[in-house]
Amino acid sequence: MGGDTAFLEHPISEDTLQLLFEASNSSNMEKSLEILIQNAKSDSGRLELASKRILPAVLNIVHSLTHASHHHHHQHNHILCLSFKLLRNLCAGEAANQDSFLELDGVAVVCSVLRSEAACSGPDHGLVRWGLQVLANVSLAGKQHQCAIWKELYLDGFVSLARLHTKETCDPLCMVIYTCCDGNPEWFKRLSSEDGWFVMAEIVRTASSASFGEDWLKLLLSRICLEESQLPVLFSKLQFADVPKVEVAESKDDHFSFEQAFLLRILSEILNERHKDVTVSKDVALFVFGIFKNSIGVLEHATRGKSGLPSGFVGVDVLGYSLTILRDICAQDGVRGNTEDSNDVVDALLSYGLIELLLYLLEALEPPAIIRKGLKQCENQDGASCSFKPCPYKGFRRDIVALIGNCVYRRKHAQDEIRHRNGILLLLQQCVTDEDNPFLREWGIWSVRNMLEGNDENQKVVAELEIQGSADVPEITSLGLRVEVDQRTRRAKLVNIP
């Protein structure tokens, strides 16, 4: 037997070693594993190694190592890591290896190592990552394989692995969970049960502190929070959980935890990236609106933001991300052809006073810089009027205007509400360049056009404002627009200047 296995209390059989040495044309176990890892990267290599029954031999090695003395911990873990890498490659789309892994109880063997690492004080995160990658590749083989993994790890196994708080383990763990649940949709509901929330809450906490690099987390959160409409429950589970009392006392002013702000940030990214694919229910939309309303108190003590989102302040980030989520929810009918479902969601938001709140916030904000400079009234040293509130992050005003524009898109009752609440002049004032709000002018023009489209009453108000030459209205011609009055019908409309 090779000297590199002398540290084992339960030594690897001669037959197993001989099989590895012949397949790799090497006489050293470590070198053999490294060679076979490379060979197993190709389809043909995996198929050839399957015919030589290399996978059972590697499982034999892992089983021996799990019963080995830990007096040589470094060498022990190094061989385990190589074995997991080889198993991962062998099970990458090769059905014969995936089936062999299941038949030989490979799921239990690998999960035993993972549980042991998760429970120790100094886990090898690389070893856990490669073990999870093995399970991820096996899970792609079908329901039988997924059931074996779920049975081994749900619930405590998933929770303990999520608590490792590393990016390296978070990504493959999310892949394993998502792939298993995607093949067995009822398990998504298990993750939404009272026990299952421990898994998702720990995953979000890990991702918020250690980050993540792949899309599996977004797929999980999109499915559970948006498609399954379980955002309210997960959001509540992240309320100052496991935070020292001193930190809670310091954070209570914002009412929100860092993890809650992170969750909204990810959901905002999901909607922005996949707005054509993700449908948001009325319940989720109204819940986000509730978060938005509860977060506007941050404006009472906010200073002018020096950056966009994330701002570095929990309360501001919750305010901003709930706003951008609402913006993208209300944009969905525009990209999907004004579907009935999306109309129901937007109309529900409108019925709960969305436009009224948005106009109130716009009016409460200090005017855009270009207008602010002309007001010359009640200014403090920072250049902000003492009666107005500053934008807490760069783009806050723009996001409000964009949401209004999406709300009034081909909705006459929403267009009319802008007029009834004397918001037309206020919206026209947003059609300017503003250093604190990139692309405000473009969103302002978009919103004004949506407000005027097919609405004679609103067009008439704009025409009268231009004729009056109100000092508070930015020159419409500076926007590349002008109001034309039809000589026959006497109706006004906004058109591009040639």
Foldseek 3Di string as FASTA:
>chain_A
DDPLQVQFPQGQDPVLQVLLCVVQVHNDLLSSLVSLLVQLQDPVSLVVVLVSVNLVSLLSLLQRLVRGDCPVVVSSVSSLLSSLSNLLSSLQPDLSSLVVCVVVVVLLSLLVVLVVQLPDPHHDLSSLLSSLSSLLSSLLNAQVSLVSNCVSQPPPNLLSQLQVLAQSSLASSLSSQCSSCVRPVVVLVVCLDPRNLSNVLSSLVSCLRHNYDDCSNLVSCLCNCFVVVSVVVNQVVNQCPPPDPVVCVVQVVLSHDSSSLSSLVSLLVSCVVPVQPTAGALSSLVVLVVQLVSLPVVLVPADAQPAAPPRPRSSLSSNVSSLSNLLSLLQSCVVVVNDPRSVVNLVSCVVVPLVVVLLVLLVQAFAFPVLLVVVPPCADPVSGHPSHTHNRAQANNLSSLSSLLSSLQPDQVSLVVCVVVVNLQSLQSQLDDHPSHPCSNVSSVSSNQSSQVPDQVSQVVVVVCVVVVDPSGDPPVVSQWDWDADPVVRTIDIDGDD
